[in-house]
């Protein structure tokens, strides 16, 4: 037989999990110091430039 499930509890648990996932995303986005964000942005730009420099022209 199937297990009896309280739908209110399931909905609340899902809402809590969604809220925690959003909080983790916000911590990653806004919890980083400005100098580290700028460093990561500069590194990504440098990597993109290096990658595009290796492309083969047709």
N, C-alpha and C. Protein backbone atom coordinates (compact mmCIF):
# COMPACT_ATOMS: atom_id res chain seq x y z
N UNK A 1 0.82 -1.17 0.00
CA UNK A 1 0.00 0.00 0.00
C UNK A 1 0.88 1.25 0.00
N UNK A 2 0.29 2.31 -0.42
CA UNK A 2 0.99 3.58 -0.47
C UNK A 2 1.01 4.25 0.89
N UNK A 3 2.00 5.08 1.08
CA UNK A 3 2.12 5.80 2.34
C UNK A 3 1.22 7.03 2.32
N UNK A 4 0.58 7.30 3.42
CA UNK A 4 -0.29 8.47 3.52
C UNK A 4 0.58 9.71 3.68
N UNK A 5 0.29 10.74 2.87
CA UNK A 5 1.10 11.95 2.86
C UNK A 5 0.23 13.14 3.19
N UNK A 6 0.71 13.97 4.10
CA UNK A 6 0.03 15.20 4.43
C UNK A 6 0.48 16.26 3.42
N UNK A 7 -0.43 16.71 2.56
CA UNK A 7 -0.07 17.62 1.48
C UNK A 7 0.41 18.97 1.99
N UNK A 8 -0.14 19.43 3.11
CA UNK A 8 0.31 20.70 3.67
C UNK A 8 1.79 20.62 4.06
N UNK A 9 2.19 19.52 4.68
CA UNK A 9 3.59 19.35 5.07
C UNK A 9 4.50 19.27 3.86
N UNK A 10 4.05 18.60 2.82
CA UNK A 10 4.86 18.47 1.61
C UNK A 10 5.04 19.84 0.95
N UNK A 11 3.95 20.61 0.87
CA UNK A 11 4.03 21.94 0.27
C UNK A 11 4.94 22.86 1.07
N UNK A 12 4.83 22.79 2.40
CA UNK A 12 5.66 23.64 3.25
C UNK A 12 7.13 23.23 3.13
N UNK A 13 7.40 21.95 3.07
CA UNK A 13 8.78 21.48 2.94
C UNK A 13 9.38 21.92 1.59
N UNK A 14 8.58 21.85 0.54
CA UNK A 14 9.05 22.28 -0.77
C UNK A 14 9.31 23.79 -0.78
N UNK A 15 8.43 24.55 -0.14
CA UNK A 15 8.62 26.00 -0.05
C UNK A 15 9.89 26.34 0.72
N UNK A 16 10.15 25.62 1.81
CA UNK A 16 11.36 25.85 2.58
C UNK A 16 12.61 25.54 1.76
N UNK A 17 12.57 24.45 1.01
CA UNK A 17 13.71 24.06 0.18
C UNK A 17 13.96 25.10 -0.92
N UNK A 18 12.88 25.58 -1.53
CA UNK A 18 13.03 26.61 -2.57
C UNK A 18 13.60 27.90 -1.99
N UNK A 19 13.11 28.26 -0.81
CA UNK A 19 13.59 29.48 -0.16
C UNK A 19 15.08 29.35 0.20
N UNK A 20 15.48 28.18 0.67
CA UNK A 20 16.89 27.95 1.02
C UNK A 20 17.77 27.98 -0.22
N UNK A 21 17.29 27.44 -1.34
CA UNK A 21 18.06 27.47 -2.58
C UNK A 21 18.25 28.92 -3.05
N UNK A 22 17.20 29.71 -2.94
CA UNK A 22 17.30 31.12 -3.33
C UNK A 22 18.27 31.86 -2.39
N UNK A 23 18.23 31.55 -1.12
CA UNK A 23 19.13 32.19 -0.16
C UNK A 23 20.57 31.83 -0.45
N UNK A 24 20.82 30.59 -0.81
CA UNK A 24 22.18 30.17 -1.15
C UNK A 24 22.68 30.90 -2.39
N UNK A 25 21.79 31.07 -3.36
CA UNK A 25 22.15 31.81 -4.57
C UNK A 25 22.48 33.25 -4.24
N UNK A 26 21.67 33.87 -3.39
CA UNK A 26 21.91 35.25 -2.99
C UNK A 26 23.20 35.39 -2.20
N UNK A 27 23.51 34.42 -1.35
CA UNK A 27 24.76 34.47 -0.60
C UNK A 27 25.95 34.41 -1.54
N UNK A 28 25.85 33.58 -2.57
CA UNK A 28 26.94 33.49 -3.54
C UNK A 28 27.07 34.77 -4.35
N UNK A 29 25.96 35.36 -4.69
CA UNK A 29 25.98 36.55 -5.54
C UNK A 29 26.36 37.80 -4.76
N UNK A 30 25.79 38.01 -3.60
CA UNK A 30 25.99 39.25 -2.88
C UNK A 30 26.97 39.14 -1.72
N UNK A 31 27.37 37.94 -1.37
CA UNK A 31 28.26 37.75 -0.24
C UNK A 31 29.73 37.81 -0.60
N UNK A 32 30.04 38.00 -1.87
CA UNK A 32 31.42 38.04 -2.32
C UNK A 32 31.93 39.48 -2.27
N UNK A 33 33.13 39.69 -1.74
CA UNK A 33 33.69 41.04 -1.71
C UNK A 33 33.90 41.58 -3.13
N UNK A 34 33.85 42.89 -3.24
CA UNK A 34 33.92 43.55 -4.55
C UNK A 34 35.21 43.21 -5.28
N UNK A 35 36.33 43.20 -4.56
CA UNK A 35 37.60 42.94 -5.25
C UNK A 35 37.65 41.52 -5.81
N UNK A 36 37.04 40.55 -5.13
CA UNK A 36 37.03 39.19 -5.65
C UNK A 36 36.09 39.06 -6.86
N UNK A 37 34.95 39.79 -6.82
CA UNK A 37 34.04 39.78 -7.98
C UNK A 37 34.74 40.37 -9.20
N UNK A 38 35.45 41.48 -9.01
CA UNK A 38 36.14 42.12 -10.13
C UNK A 38 37.27 41.23 -10.64
N UNK A 39 37.97 40.55 -9.74
CA UNK A 39 39.03 39.63 -10.14
C UNK A 39 38.47 38.48 -10.98
N UNK A 40 37.35 37.91 -10.55
CA UNK A 40 36.73 36.82 -11.29
C UNK A 40 36.25 37.29 -12.66
N UNK A 41 35.69 38.51 -12.70
CA UNK A 41 35.21 39.07 -13.97
C UNK A 41 36.38 39.29 -14.93
N UNK A 42 37.50 39.82 -14.41
CA UNK A 42 38.68 40.05 -15.25
C UNK A 42 39.26 38.73 -15.74
N UNK A 43 39.26 37.72 -14.88
CA UNK A 43 39.78 36.40 -15.27
C UNK A 43 38.90 35.79 -16.36
N UNK A 44 37.59 35.93 -16.25
CA UNK A 44 36.69 35.39 -17.26
C UNK A 44 36.89 36.11 -18.59
N UNK A 45 37.10 37.43 -18.54
CA UNK A 45 37.34 38.18 -19.77
C UNK A 45 38.65 37.76 -20.41
N UNK A 46 39.66 37.55 -19.59
CA UNK A 46 40.96 37.13 -20.11
C UNK A 46 40.85 35.73 -20.73
N UNK A 47 40.13 34.83 -20.08
CA UNK A 47 39.95 33.49 -20.62
C UNK A 47 39.19 33.51 -21.94
N UNK A 48 38.16 34.35 -22.03
CA UNK A 48 37.39 34.45 -23.27
C UNK A 48 38.26 35.01 -24.40
N UNK A 49 39.09 35.98 -24.09
CA UNK A 49 39.98 36.56 -25.10
C UNK A 49 41.00 35.52 -25.58
N UNK A 50 41.54 34.76 -24.62
CA UNK A 50 42.52 33.73 -24.96
C UNK A 50 41.87 32.63 -25.80
N UNK A 51 40.62 32.27 -25.44
CA UNK A 51 39.90 31.23 -26.17
C UNK A 51 39.58 31.68 -27.58
N UNK A 52 39.13 32.92 -27.75
CA UNK A 52 38.78 33.40 -29.08
C UNK A 52 40.02 33.59 -29.94
N UNK A 53 41.18 33.77 -29.32
CA UNK A 53 42.43 33.90 -30.07
C UNK A 53 42.87 32.60 -30.71
N UNK A 54 42.38 31.49 -30.22
CA UNK A 54 42.75 30.18 -30.76
C UNK A 54 41.76 29.68 -31.81
N UNK A 55 40.76 30.48 -32.14
CA UNK A 55 39.78 30.04 -33.13
C UNK A 55 40.42 30.02 -34.50
N UNK A 56 39.96 29.10 -35.29
CA UNK A 56 40.45 28.94 -36.64
C UNK A 56 39.53 29.70 -37.60
N UNK A 57 40.10 30.55 -38.44
CA UNK A 57 39.31 31.29 -39.42
C UNK A 57 39.09 30.43 -40.65
N UNK A 58 37.88 30.51 -41.21
CA UNK A 58 37.57 29.73 -42.41
C UNK A 58 37.70 30.60 -43.64
